[in-house]
Amino acid sequence: MDILSLNNDDEYASEDAGSEQEMDENNPIVDEPLMSTAEGKGCKKIDQLVFRDMIDVAIVEHDLPYAFVEFRRVREALKYANPTIEFWCRNTAVADVLKIFEGRKGDLNRC
């Protein structure tokens, strides 16, 4: 019986002679998408720009770090929910949030 260790985010710890296995080998969530079909076909295709904007707004509203978009577990969960999702880096998230800020600032200046 394996015991999962949350202290080491990169690998699971096992009782069996200290053997270490990569997380993906033991994690059934990563192995099979929610709507698993051949190469993600059959999954609802999402608008990547709308999805990116939603995540950027969540970063602002919840005061999340820009690196949130690079968190491994977040990416795994999103990939599980929809394997067609395309990921971006924190620098892109910074640029997107600045665009949101500039747009809202412009709206306030017009009032």
PDB file of N, CA and C in Angstrom:
ATOM      1  N   MET A   1       0.840  -1.185   0.000  1.00  0.00           N
ATOM      2  CA  MET A   1       0.000   0.000   0.000  1.00  0.00           C
ATOM      3  C   MET A   1       0.882   1.244   0.000  1.00  0.00           C
ATOM      4  N   ASP A   2       0.605   2.156  -0.916  1.00  0.00           N
ATOM      5  CA  ASP A   2       1.397   3.373  -1.035  1.00  0.00           C
ATOM      6  C   ASP A   2       0.821   4.477  -0.157  1.00  0.00           C
ATOM      7  N   ILE A   3       1.700   5.272   0.385  1.00  0.00           N
ATOM      8  CA  ILE A   3       1.304   6.466   1.127  1.00  0.00           C
ATOM      9  C   ILE A   3       1.757   7.666   0.313  1.00  0.00           C
ATOM     10  N   LEU A   4       0.838   8.552   0.023  1.00  0.00           N
ATOM     11  CA  LEU A   4       1.165   9.729  -0.768  1.00  0.00           C
ATOM     12  C   LEU A   4       1.774  10.793   0.125  1.00  0.00           C
ATOM     13  N   SER A   5       2.795  11.429  -0.366  1.00  0.00           N
ATOM     14  CA  SER A   5       3.456  12.493   0.377  1.00  0.00           C
ATOM     15  C   SER A   5       3.196  13.822  -0.302  1.00  0.00           C
ATOM     16  N   LEU A   6       2.623  14.756   0.432  1.00  0.00           N
ATOM     17  CA  LEU A   6       2.381  16.077  -0.124  1.00  0.00           C
ATOM     18  C   LEU A   6       3.578  16.995   0.082  1.00  0.00           C
ATOM     19  N   ASN A   7       4.550  16.553   0.862  1.00  0.00           N
ATOM     20  CA  ASN A   7       5.730  17.376   1.108  1.00  0.00           C
ATOM     21  C   ASN A   7       6.595  17.508  -0.130  1.00  0.00           C
ATOM     22  N   ASN A   8       6.695  16.448  -0.912  1.00  0.00           N
ATOM     23  CA  ASN A   8       7.497  16.471  -2.129  1.00  0.00           C
ATOM     24  C   ASN A   8       6.541  16.502  -3.298  1.00  0.00           C
ATOM     25  N   ASP A   9       6.383  17.648  -3.913  1.00  0.00           N
ATOM     26  CA  ASP A   9       5.407  17.829  -4.983  1.00  0.00           C
ATOM     27  C   ASP A   9       5.821  17.137  -6.273  1.00  0.00           C
ATOM     28  N   ASP A  10       7.090  16.779  -6.413  1.00  0.00           N
ATOM     29  CA  ASP A  10       7.553  16.201  -7.669  1.00  0.00           C
ATOM     30  C   ASP A  10       7.329  14.697  -7.754  1.00  0.00           C
ATOM     31  N   GLU A  11       7.402  13.999  -6.642  1.00  0.00           N
ATOM     32  CA  GLU A  11       7.293  12.550  -6.691  1.00  0.00           C
ATOM     33  C   GLU A  11       6.495  12.046  -5.493  1.00  0.00           C
ATOM     34  N   TYR A  12       5.917  10.887  -5.663  1.00  0.00           N
ATOM     35  CA  TYR A  12       5.223  10.241  -4.558  1.00  0.00           C
ATOM     36  C   TYR A  12       6.228   9.433  -3.754  1.00  0.00           C
ATOM     37  N   ALA A  13       6.026   9.377  -2.467  1.00  0.00           N
ATOM     38  CA  ALA A  13       6.852   8.527  -1.616  1.00  0.00           C
ATOM     39  C   ALA A  13       6.102   7.226  -1.379  1.00  0.00           C
ATOM     40  N   SER A  14       6.820   6.145  -1.331  1.00  0.00           N
ATOM     41  CA  SER A  14       6.209   4.838  -1.167  1.00  0.00           C
ATOM     42  C   SER A  14       6.822   4.134   0.030  1.00  0.00           C
ATOM     43  N   GLU A  15       6.023   3.311   0.709  1.00  0.00           N
ATOM     44  CA  GLU A  15       6.525   2.527   1.827  1.00  0.00           C
ATOM     45  C   GLU A  15       7.433   1.411   1.341  1.00  0.00           C
ATOM     46  N   ASP A  16       7.244   0.943   0.128  1.00  0.00           N
ATOM     47  CA  ASP A  16       7.944  -0.220  -0.398  1.00  0.00           C
ATOM     48  C   ASP A  16       9.408   0.093  -0.681  1.00  0.00           C
ATOM     49  N   ALA A  17      10.282  -0.195   0.238  1.00  0.00           N
ATOM     50  CA  ALA A  17      11.732  -0.085   0.090  1.00  0.00           C
ATOM     51  C   ALA A  17      12.177   1.278  -0.423  1.00  0.00           C
ATOM     52  N   GLY A  18      11.429   2.300  -0.107  1.00  0.00           N
ATOM     53  CA  GLY A  18      11.829   3.643  -0.505  1.00  0.00           C
ATOM     54  C   GLY A  18      11.798   3.873  -2.003  1.00  0.00           C
ATOM     55  N   SER A  19      11.072   3.058  -2.735  1.00  0.00           N
ATOM     56  CA  SER A  19      11.033   3.246  -4.189  1.00  0.00           C
ATOM     57  C   SER A  19      10.323   4.542  -4.522  1.00  0.00           C
ATOM     58  N   GLU A  20      10.859   5.244  -5.497  1.00  0.00           N
ATOM     59  CA  GLU A  20      10.255   6.502  -5.921  1.00  0.00           C
ATOM     60  C   GLU A  20       9.769   6.339  -7.347  1.00  0.00           C
ATOM     61  N   GLN A  21       8.558   6.778  -7.577  1.00  0.00           N
ATOM     62  CA  GLN A  21       7.989   6.731  -8.912  1.00  0.00           C
ATOM     63  C   GLN A  21       7.498   8.111  -9.253  1.00  0.00           C
ATOM     64  N   GLU A  22       7.515   8.420 -10.533  1.00  0.00           N
ATOM     65  CA  GLU A  22       7.016   9.724 -10.935  1.00  0.00           C
ATOM     66  C   GLU A  22       5.532   9.805 -10.661  1.00  0.00           C
ATOM     67  N   MET A  23       5.069  10.996 -10.387  1.00  0.00           N
ATOM     68  CA  MET A  23       3.685  11.216 -10.036  1.00  0.00           C
ATOM     69  C   MET A  23       2.741  10.707 -11.109  1.00  0.00           C
ATOM     70  N   ASP A  24       3.041  10.923 -12.379  1.00  0.00           N
ATOM     71  CA  ASP A  24       2.142  10.553 -13.457  1.00  0.00           C
ATOM     72  C   ASP A  24       1.887   9.051 -13.511  1.00  0.00           C
ATOM     73  N   GLU A  25       2.834   8.235 -13.084  1.00  0.00           N
ATOM     74  CA  GLU A  25       2.656   6.795 -13.117  1.00  0.00           C
ATOM     75  C   GLU A  25       1.618   6.330 -12.099  1.00  0.00           C
ATOM     76  N   ASN A  26       1.478   7.041 -10.999  1.00  0.00           N
ATOM     77  CA  ASN A  26       0.555   6.641  -9.947  1.00  0.00           C
ATOM     78  C   ASN A  26      -0.743   7.419  -9.954  1.00  0.00           C
ATOM     79  N   ASN A  27      -0.835   8.455 -10.749  1.00  0.00           N
ATOM     80  CA  ASN A  27      -1.984   9.341 -10.711  1.00  0.00           C
ATOM     81  C   ASN A  27      -2.943   9.010 -11.838  1.00  0.00           C
ATOM     82  N   PRO A  28      -4.065   8.350 -11.543  1.00  0.00           N
ATOM     83  CA  PRO A  28      -5.006   7.986 -12.600  1.00  0.00           C
ATOM     84  C   PRO A  28      -5.638   9.197 -13.265  1.00  0.00           C
ATOM     85  N   ILE A  29      -5.648  10.332 -12.585  1.00  0.00           N
ATOM     86  CA  ILE A  29      -6.247  11.532 -13.158  1.00  0.00           C
ATOM     87  C   ILE A  29      -5.462  11.989 -14.380  1.00  0.00           C
ATOM     88  N   VAL A  30      -4.153  11.931 -14.308  1.00  0.00           N
ATOM     89  CA  VAL A  30      -3.322  12.396 -15.413  1.00  0.00           C
ATOM     90  C   VAL A  30      -3.349  11.404 -16.563  1.00  0.00           C
ATOM     91  N   ASP A  31      -3.487  10.116 -16.251  1.00  0.00           N
ATOM     92  CA  ASP A  31      -3.420   9.098 -17.288  1.00  0.00           C
ATOM     93  C   ASP A  31      -4.592   9.135 -18.247  1.00  0.00           C
ATOM     94  N   GLU A  32      -5.750   9.532 -17.784  1.00  0.00           N
ATOM     95  CA  GLU A  32      -6.920   9.490 -18.648  1.00  0.00           C
ATOM     96  C   GLU A  32      -7.764  10.743 -18.477  1.00  0.00           C
ATOM     97  N   PRO A  33      -7.975  11.487 -19.574  1.00  0.00           N
ATOM     98  CA  PRO A  33      -8.797  12.693 -19.492  1.00  0.00           C
ATOM     99  C   PRO A  33     -10.243  12.375 -19.131  1.00  0.00           C
ATOM    100  N   LEU A  34     -10.947  13.384 -18.637  1.00  0.00           N
ATOM    101  CA  LEU A  34     -12.334  13.238 -18.232  1.00  0.00           C
ATOM    102  C   LEU A  34     -13.189  12.698 -19.365  1.00  0.00           C
ATOM    103  N   MET A  35     -13.066  13.286 -20.535  1.00  0.00           N
ATOM    104  CA  MET A  35     -13.820  12.840 -21.697  1.00  0.00           C
ATOM    105  C   MET A  35     -12.848  12.167 -22.646  1.00  0.00           C
ATOM    106  N   SER A  36     -12.267  11.055 -22.214  1.00  0.00           N
ATOM    107  CA  SER A  36     -11.195  10.459 -22.984  1.00  0.00           C
ATOM    108  C   SER A  36     -11.708   9.859 -24.287  1.00  0.00           C
ATOM    109  N   THR A  37     -11.089  10.279 -25.345  1.00  0.00           N
ATOM    110  CA  THR A  37     -11.285   9.711 -26.670  1.00  0.00           C
ATOM    111  C   THR A  37      -9.956   9.841 -27.374  1.00  0.00           C
ATOM    112  N   ALA A  38      -9.862   9.358 -28.562  1.00  0.00           N
ATOM    113  CA  ALA A  38      -8.599   9.396 -29.286  1.00  0.00           C
ATOM    114  C   ALA A  38      -8.139  10.837 -29.493  1.00  0.00           C
ATOM    115  N   GLU A  39      -7.029  11.179 -28.878  1.00  0.00           N
ATOM    116  CA  GLU A  39      -6.378  12.483 -29.005  1.00  0.00           C
ATOM    117  C   GLU A  39      -7.305  13.656 -28.726  1.00  0.00           C
ATOM    118  N   GLY A  40      -8.191  13.515 -27.768  1.00  0.00           N
ATOM    119  CA  GLY A  40      -9.036  14.629 -27.359  1.00  0.00           C
ATOM    120  C   GLY A  40     -10.210  14.889 -28.271  1.00  0.00           C
ATOM    121  N   LYS A  41     -10.405  14.069 -29.302  1.00  0.00           N
ATOM    122  CA  LYS A  41     -11.555  14.270 -30.182  1.00  0.00           C
ATOM    123  C   LYS A  41     -12.813  13.947 -29.402  1.00  0.00           C
ATOM    124  N   GLY A  42     -13.847  14.678 -29.637  1.00  0.00           N
ATOM    125  CA  GLY A  42     -15.080  14.477 -28.903  1.00  0.00           C
ATOM    126  C   GLY A  42     -15.207  15.436 -27.735  1.00  0.00           C
ATOM    127  N   CYS A  43     -14.097  16.031 -27.306  1.00  0.00           N
ATOM    128  CA  CYS A  43     -14.142  17.036 -26.254  1.00  0.00           C
ATOM    129  C   CYS A  43     -14.610  18.349 -26.849  1.00  0.00           C
ATOM    130  N   LYS A  44     -15.294  19.106 -26.040  1.00  0.00           N
ATOM    131  CA  LYS A  44     -15.752  20.412 -26.487  1.00  0.00           C
ATOM    132  C   LYS A  44     -14.546  21.304 -26.741  1.00  0.00           C
ATOM    133  N   LYS A  45     -14.467  21.860 -27.934  1.00  0.00           N
ATOM    134  CA  LYS A  45     -13.386  22.789 -28.275  1.00  0.00           C
ATOM    135  C   LYS A  45     -13.693  24.126 -27.620  1.00  0.00           C
ATOM    136  N   ILE A  46     -12.724  24.640 -26.875  1.00  0.00           N
ATOM    137  CA  ILE A  46     -12.943  25.904 -26.181  1.00  0.00           C
ATOM    138  C   ILE A  46     -12.206  27.024 -26.905  1.00  0.00           C
ATOM    139  N   ASP A  47     -12.690  28.240 -26.738  1.00  0.00           N
ATOM    140  CA  ASP A  47     -12.018  29.414 -27.279  1.00  0.00           C
ATOM    141  C   ASP A  47     -10.857  29.745 -26.344  1.00  0.00           C
ATOM    142  N   GLN A  48      -9.640  29.579 -26.826  1.00  0.00           N
ATOM    143  CA  GLN A  48      -8.457  29.750 -25.988  1.00  0.00           C
ATOM    144  C   GLN A  48      -8.328  31.170 -25.439  1.00  0.00           C
ATOM    145  N   LEU A  49      -8.701  32.165 -26.234  1.00  0.00           N
ATOM    146  CA  LEU A  49      -8.588  33.556 -25.766  1.00  0.00           C
ATOM    147  C   LEU A  49      -9.584  33.861 -24.655  1.00  0.00           C
ATOM    148  N   VAL A  50     -10.793  33.325 -24.769  1.00  0.00           N
ATOM    149  CA  VAL A  50     -11.795  33.518 -23.714  1.00  0.00           C
ATOM    150  C   VAL A  50     -11.328  32.821 -22.440  1.00  0.00           C
ATOM    151  N   PHE A  51     -10.806  31.610 -22.583  1.00  0.00           N
ATOM    152  CA  PHE A  51     -10.307  30.861 -21.434  1.00  0.00           C
ATOM    153  C   PHE A  51      -9.156  31.614 -20.763  1.00  0.00           C
ATOM    154  N   ARG A  52      -8.216  32.121 -21.560  1.00  0.00           N
ATOM    155  CA  ARG A  52      -7.093  32.890 -21.023  1.00  0.00           C
ATOM    156  C   ARG A  52      -7.572  34.118 -20.278  1.00  0.00           C
ATOM    157  N   ASP A  53      -8.545  34.811 -20.853  1.00  0.00           N
ATOM    158  CA  ASP A  53      -9.089  36.011 -20.210  1.00  0.00           C
ATOM    159  C   ASP A  53      -9.748  35.664 -18.877  1.00  0.00           C
ATOM    160  N   MET A  54     -10.462  34.546 -18.827  1.00  0.00           N
ATOM    161  CA  MET A  54     -11.115  34.123 -17.583  1.00  0.00           C
ATOM    162  C   MET A  54     -10.076  33.843 -16.494  1.00  0.00           C
ATOM    163  N   ILE A  55      -8.999  33.174 -16.853  1.00  0.00           N
ATOM    164  CA  ILE A  55      -7.944  32.878 -15.880  1.00  0.00           C
ATOM    165  C   ILE A  55      -7.259  34.171 -15.434  1.00  0.00           C
ATOM    166  N   ASP A  56      -7.027  35.084 -16.369  1.00  0.00           N
ATOM    167  CA  ASP A  56      -6.393  36.362 -16.021  1.00  0.00           C
ATOM    168  C   ASP A  56      -7.258  37.173 -15.061  1.00  0.00           C
ATOM    169  N   VAL A  57      -8.556  37.186 -15.280  1.00  0.00           N
ATOM    170  CA  VAL A  57      -9.466  37.891 -14.374  1.00  0.00           C
ATOM    171  C   VAL A  57      -9.451  37.221 -12.998  1.00  0.00           C
ATOM    172  N   ALA A  58      -9.391  35.892 -12.971  1.00  0.00           N
ATOM    173  CA  ALA A  58      -9.318  35.171 -11.694  1.00  0.00           C
ATOM    174  C   ALA A  58      -8.026  35.517 -10.952  1.00  0.00           C
ATOM    175  N   ILE A  59      -6.928  35.669 -11.685  1.00  0.00           N
ATOM    176  CA  ILE A  59      -5.653  36.054 -11.069  1.00  0.00           C
ATOM    177  C   ILE A  59      -5.794  37.396 -10.367  1.00  0.00           C
ATOM    178  N   VAL A  60      -6.462  38.341 -11.027  1.00  0.00           N
ATOM    179  CA  VAL A  60      -6.640  39.675 -10.444  1.00  0.00           C
ATOM    180  C   VAL A  60      -7.603  39.625  -9.262  1.00  0.00           C
ATOM    181  N   GLU A  61      -8.764  39.002  -9.454  1.00  0.00           N
ATOM    182  CA  GLU A  61      -9.796  38.997  -8.410  1.00  0.00           C
ATOM    183  C   GLU A  61      -9.363  38.278  -7.142  1.00  0.00           C
ATOM    184  N   HIS A  62      -8.577  37.219  -7.288  1.00  0.00           N
ATOM    185  CA  HIS A  62      -8.202  36.411  -6.127  1.00  0.00           C
ATOM    186  C   HIS A  62      -6.767  36.662  -5.678  1.00  0.00           C
ATOM    187  N   ASP A  63      -6.135  37.681  -6.275  1.00  0.00           N
ATOM    188  CA  ASP A  63      -4.772  38.048  -5.902  1.00  0.00           C
ATOM    189  C   ASP A  63      -3.825  36.848  -5.981  1.00  0.00           C
ATOM    190  N   LEU A  64      -3.936  36.099  -7.080  1.00  0.00           N
ATOM    191  CA  LEU A  64      -3.079  34.938  -7.305  1.00  0.00           C
ATOM    192  C   LEU A  64      -1.762  35.390  -7.923  1.00  0.00           C
ATOM    193  N   PRO A  65      -0.708  34.624  -7.719  1.00  0.00           N
ATOM    194  CA  PRO A  65       0.553  34.974  -8.385  1.00  0.00           C
ATOM    195  C   PRO A  65       0.439  34.702  -9.885  1.00  0.00           C
ATOM    196  N   TYR A  66       1.203  35.439 -10.673  1.00  0.00           N
ATOM    197  CA  TYR A  66       1.171  35.218 -12.120  1.00  0.00           C
ATOM    198  C   TYR A  66       1.616  33.804 -12.468  1.00  0.00           C
ATOM    199  N   ALA A  67       2.473  33.232 -11.648  1.00  0.00           N
ATOM    200  CA  ALA A  67       2.958  31.872 -11.885  1.00  0.00           C
ATOM    201  C   ALA A  67       1.858  30.829 -11.708  1.00  0.00           C
ATOM    202  N   PHE A  68       0.681  31.240 -11.262  1.00  0.00           N
ATOM    203  CA  PHE A  68      -0.447  30.316 -11.115  1.00  0.00           C
ATOM    204  C   PHE A  68      -0.671  29.522 -12.397  1.00  0.00           C
ATOM    205  N   VAL A  69      -0.483  30.167 -13.547  1.00  0.00           N
ATOM    206  CA  VAL A  69      -0.721  29.487 -14.824  1.00  0.00           C
ATOM    207  C   VAL A  69       0.337  28.432 -15.111  1.00  0.00           C
ATOM    208  N   GLU A  70       1.426  28.429 -14.340  1.00  0.00           N
ATOM    209  CA  GLU A  70       2.485  27.449 -14.536  1.00  0.00           C
ATOM    210  C   GLU A  70       2.493  26.366 -13.456  1.00  0.00           C
ATOM    211  N   PHE A  71       1.600  26.459 -12.472  1.00  0.00           N
ATOM    212  CA  PHE A  71       1.555  25.440 -11.425  1.00  0.00           C
ATOM    213  C   PHE A  71       1.218  24.093 -12.051  1.00  0.00           C
ATOM    214  N   ARG A  72       2.033  23.099 -11.735  1.00  0.00           N
ATOM    215  CA  ARG A  72       1.882  21.777 -12.341  1.00  0.00           C
ATOM    216  C   ARG A  72       0.523  21.158 -12.039  1.00  0.00           C
ATOM    217  N   ARG A  73       0.091  21.225 -10.809  1.00  0.00           N
ATOM    218  CA  ARG A  73      -1.184  20.596 -10.435  1.00  0.00           C
ATOM    219  C   ARG A  73      -2.367  21.308 -11.087  1.00  0.00           C
ATOM    220  N   VAL A  74      -2.275  22.613 -11.236  1.00  0.00           N
ATOM    221  CA  VAL A  74      -3.340  23.362 -11.909  1.00  0.00           C
ATOM    222  C   VAL A  74      -3.405  22.935 -13.367  1.00  0.00           C
ATOM    223  N   ARG A  75      -2.248  22.839 -14.010  1.00  0.00           N
ATOM    224  CA  ARG A  75      -2.222  22.405 -15.408  1.00  0.00           C
ATOM    225  C   ARG A  75      -2.756  20.985 -15.564  1.00  0.00           C
ATOM    226  N   GLU A  76      -2.395  20.105 -14.645  1.00  0.00           N
ATOM    227  CA  GLU A  76      -2.902  18.733 -14.710  1.00  0.00           C
ATOM    228  C   GLU A  76      -4.419  18.707 -14.594  1.00  0.00           C
ATOM    229  N   ALA A  77      -4.967  19.487 -13.674  1.00  0.00           N
ATOM    230  CA  ALA A  77      -6.419  19.516 -13.480  1.00  0.00           C
ATOM    231  C   ALA A  77      -7.120  20.072 -14.713  1.00  0.00           C
ATOM    232  N   LEU A  78      -6.579  21.136 -15.281  1.00  0.00           N
ATOM    233  CA  LEU A  78      -7.186  21.720 -16.476  1.00  0.00           C
ATOM    234  C   LEU A  78      -7.065  20.779 -17.670  1.00  0.00           C
ATOM    235  N   LYS A  79      -5.933  20.113 -17.805  1.00  0.00           N
ATOM    236  CA  LYS A  79      -5.731  19.163 -18.902  1.00  0.00           C
ATOM    237  C   LYS A  79      -6.675  17.972 -18.748  1.00  0.00           C
ATOM    238  N   TYR A  80      -6.923  17.566 -17.511  1.00  0.00           N
ATOM    239  CA  TYR A  80      -7.863  16.482 -17.239  1.00  0.00           C
ATOM    240  C   TYR A  80      -9.276  16.888 -17.643  1.00  0.00           C
ATOM    241  N   ALA A  81      -9.654  18.112 -17.332  1.00  0.00           N
ATOM    242  CA  ALA A  81     -10.994  18.596 -17.648  1.00  0.00           C
ATOM    243  C   ALA A  81     -11.195  18.758 -19.148  1.00  0.00           C
ATOM    244  N   ASN A  82     -10.169  19.219 -19.845  1.00  0.00           N
ATOM    245  CA  ASN A  82     -10.265  19.387 -21.292  1.00  0.00           C
ATOM    246  C   ASN A  82      -8.871  19.277 -21.896  1.00  0.00           C
ATOM    247  N   PRO A  83      -8.573  18.168 -22.551  1.00  0.00           N
ATOM    248  CA  PRO A  83      -7.225  17.947 -23.086  1.00  0.00           C
ATOM    249  C   PRO A  83      -6.841  18.876 -24.236  1.00  0.00           C
ATOM    250  N   THR A  84      -7.776  19.675 -24.748  1.00  0.00           N
ATOM    251  CA  THR A  84      -7.455  20.572 -25.861  1.00  0.00           C
ATOM    252  C   THR A  84      -6.926  21.924 -25.393  1.00  0.00           C
ATOM    253  N   ILE A  85      -6.849  22.134 -24.089  1.00  0.00           N
ATOM    254  CA  ILE A  85      -6.392  23.418 -23.549  1.00  0.00           C
ATOM    255  C   ILE A  85      -4.929  23.652 -23.909  1.00  0.00           C
ATOM    256  N   GLU A  86      -4.641  24.876 -24.347  1.00  0.00           N
ATOM    257  CA  GLU A  86      -3.266  25.289 -24.626  1.00  0.00           C
ATOM    258  C   GLU A  86      -2.809  26.178 -23.475  1.00  0.00           C
ATOM    259  N   PHE A  87      -1.633  25.894 -22.938  1.00  0.00           N
ATOM    260  CA  PHE A  87      -1.136  26.634 -21.786  1.00  0.00           C
ATOM    261  C   PHE A  87      -0.210  27.762 -22.212  1.00  0.00           C
ATOM    262  N   TRP A  88      -0.027  28.728 -21.316  1.00  0.00           N
ATOM    263  CA  TRP A  88       0.829  29.880 -21.562  1.00  0.00           C
ATOM    264  C   TRP A  88       1.673  30.119 -20.327  1.00  0.00           C
ATOM    265  N   CYS A  89       2.680  30.958 -20.464  1.00  0.00           N
ATOM    266  CA  CYS A  89       3.609  31.204 -19.360  1.00  0.00           C
ATOM    267  C   CYS A  89       3.161  32.402 -18.521  1.00  0.00           C
ATOM    268  N   ARG A  90       3.835  32.596 -17.405  1.00  0.00           N
ATOM    269  CA  ARG A  90       3.471  33.697 -16.506  1.00  0.00           C
ATOM    270  C   ARG A  90       3.715  35.055 -17.148  1.00  0.00           C
ATOM    271  N   ASN A  91       4.700  35.158 -18.040  1.00  0.00           N
ATOM    272  CA  ASN A  91       4.955  36.435 -18.708  1.00  0.00           C
ATOM    273  C   ASN A  91       3.768  36.835 -19.579  1.00  0.00           C
ATOM    274  N   THR A  92       3.135  35.865 -20.211  1.00  0.00           N
ATOM    275  CA  THR A  92       1.937  36.139 -20.996  1.00  0.00           C
ATOM    276  C   THR A  92       0.805  36.567 -20.075  1.00  0.00           C
ATOM    277  N   ALA A  93       0.702  35.936 -18.910  1.00  0.00           N
ATOM    278  CA  ALA A  93      -0.327  36.318 -17.939  1.00  0.00           C
ATOM    279  C   ALA A  93      -0.109  37.758 -17.471  1.00  0.00           C
ATOM    280  N   VAL A  94       1.139  38.148 -17.254  1.00  0.00           N
ATOM    281  CA  VAL A  94       1.445  39.525 -16.854  1.00  0.00           C
ATOM    282  C   VAL A  94       0.989  40.497 -17.937  1.00  0.00           C
ATOM    283  N   ALA A  95       1.318  40.195 -19.180  1.00  0.00           N
ATOM    284  CA  ALA A  95       0.930  41.072 -20.294  1.00  0.00           C
ATOM    285  C   ALA A  95      -0.589  41.166 -20.413  1.00  0.00           C
ATOM    286  N   ASP A  96      -1.280  40.038 -20.241  1.00  0.00           N
ATOM    287  CA  ASP A  96      -2.744  40.032 -20.323  1.00  0.00           C
ATOM    288  C   ASP A  96      -3.365  40.870 -19.210  1.00  0.00           C
ATOM    289  N   VAL A  97      -2.846  40.737 -17.989  1.00  0.00           N
ATOM    290  CA  VAL A  97      -3.380  41.493 -16.855  1.00  0.00           C
ATOM    291  C   VAL A  97      -3.129  42.989 -17.054  1.00  0.00           C
ATOM    292  N   LEU A  98      -1.976  43.344 -17.587  1.00  0.00           N
ATOM    293  CA  LEU A  98      -1.697  44.760 -17.862  1.00  0.00           C
ATOM    294  C   LEU A  98      -2.654  45.318 -18.916  1.00  0.00           C
ATOM    295  N   LYS A  99      -3.005  44.504 -19.909  1.00  0.00           N
ATOM    296  CA  LYS A  99      -3.984  44.935 -20.920  1.00  0.00           C
ATOM    297  C   LYS A  99      -5.347  45.174 -20.272  1.00  0.00           C
ATOM    298  N   ILE A 100      -5.731  44.284 -19.370  1.00  0.00           N
ATOM    299  CA  ILE A 100      -7.002  44.458 -18.655  1.00  0.00           C
ATOM    300  C   ILE A 100      -6.960  45.758 -17.853  1.00  0.00           C
ATOM    301  N   PHE A 101      -5.854  45.980 -17.139  1.00  0.00           N
ATOM    302  CA  PHE A 101      -5.696  47.188 -16.327  1.00  0.00           C
ATOM    303  C   PHE A 101      -5.785  48.445 -17.188  1.00  0.00           C
ATOM    304  N   GLU A 102      -5.051  48.462 -18.287  1.00  0.00           N
ATOM    305  CA  GLU A 102      -5.052  49.640 -19.165  1.00  0.00           C
ATOM    306  C   GLU A 102      -6.440  49.885 -19.747  1.00  0.00           C
ATOM    307  N   GLY A 103      -7.145  48.817 -20.104  1.00  0.00           N
ATOM    308  CA  GLY A 103      -8.498  48.961 -20.639  1.00  0.00           C
ATOM    309  C   GLY A 103      -9.460  49.537 -19.620  1.00  0.00           C
ATOM    310  N   ARG A 104      -9.390  49.053 -18.404  1.00  0.00           N
ATOM    311  CA  ARG A 104     -10.280  49.554 -17.347  1.00  0.00           C
ATOM    312  C   ARG A 104      -9.906  50.973 -16.940  1.00  0.00           C
ATOM    313  N   LYS A 105      -8.613  51.278 -16.961  1.00  0.00           N
ATOM    314  CA  LYS A 105      -8.164  52.632 -16.640  1.00  0.00           C
ATOM    315  C   LYS A 105      -8.683  53.612 -17.693  1.00  0.00           C
ATOM    316  N   GLY A 106      -8.654  53.197 -18.948  1.00  0.00           N
ATOM    317  CA  GLY A 106      -9.184  54.031 -20.020  1.00  0.00           C
ATOM    318  C   GLY A 106     -10.675  54.260 -19.879  1.00  0.00           C
ATOM    319  N   ASP A 107     -11.396  53.231 -19.434  1.00  0.00           N
ATOM    320  CA  ASP A 107     -12.839  53.365 -19.207  1.00  0.00           C
ATOM    321  C   ASP A 107     -13.123  54.393 -18.113  1.00  0.00           C
ATOM    322  N   LEU A 108     -12.314  54.398 -17.061  1.00  0.00           N
ATOM    323  CA  LEU A 108     -12.510  55.348 -15.962  1.00  0.00           C
ATOM    324  C   LEU A 108     -12.184  56.776 -16.386  1.00  0.00           C
ATOM    325  N   ASN A 109     -11.191  56.929 -17.241  1.00  0.00           N
ATOM    326  CA  ASN A 109     -10.812  58.267 -17.703  1.00  0.00           C
ATOM    327  C   ASN A 109     -11.899  58.893 -18.570  1.00  0.00           C
ATOM    328  N   ARG A 110     -12.682  58.078 -19.252  1.00  0.00           N
ATOM    329  CA  ARG A 110     -13.746  58.583 -20.117  1.00  0.00           C
ATOM    330  C   ARG A 110     -14.950  59.071 -19.327  1.00  0.00           C
ATOM    331  N   CYS A 111     -15.085  58.634 -18.097  1.00  0.00           N
ATOM    332  CA  CYS A 111     -16.261  59.006 -17.286  1.00  0.00           C
ATOM    333  C   CYS A 111     -16.209  60.408 -16.788  1.00  0.00           C
TER     334      CYS A 111
END
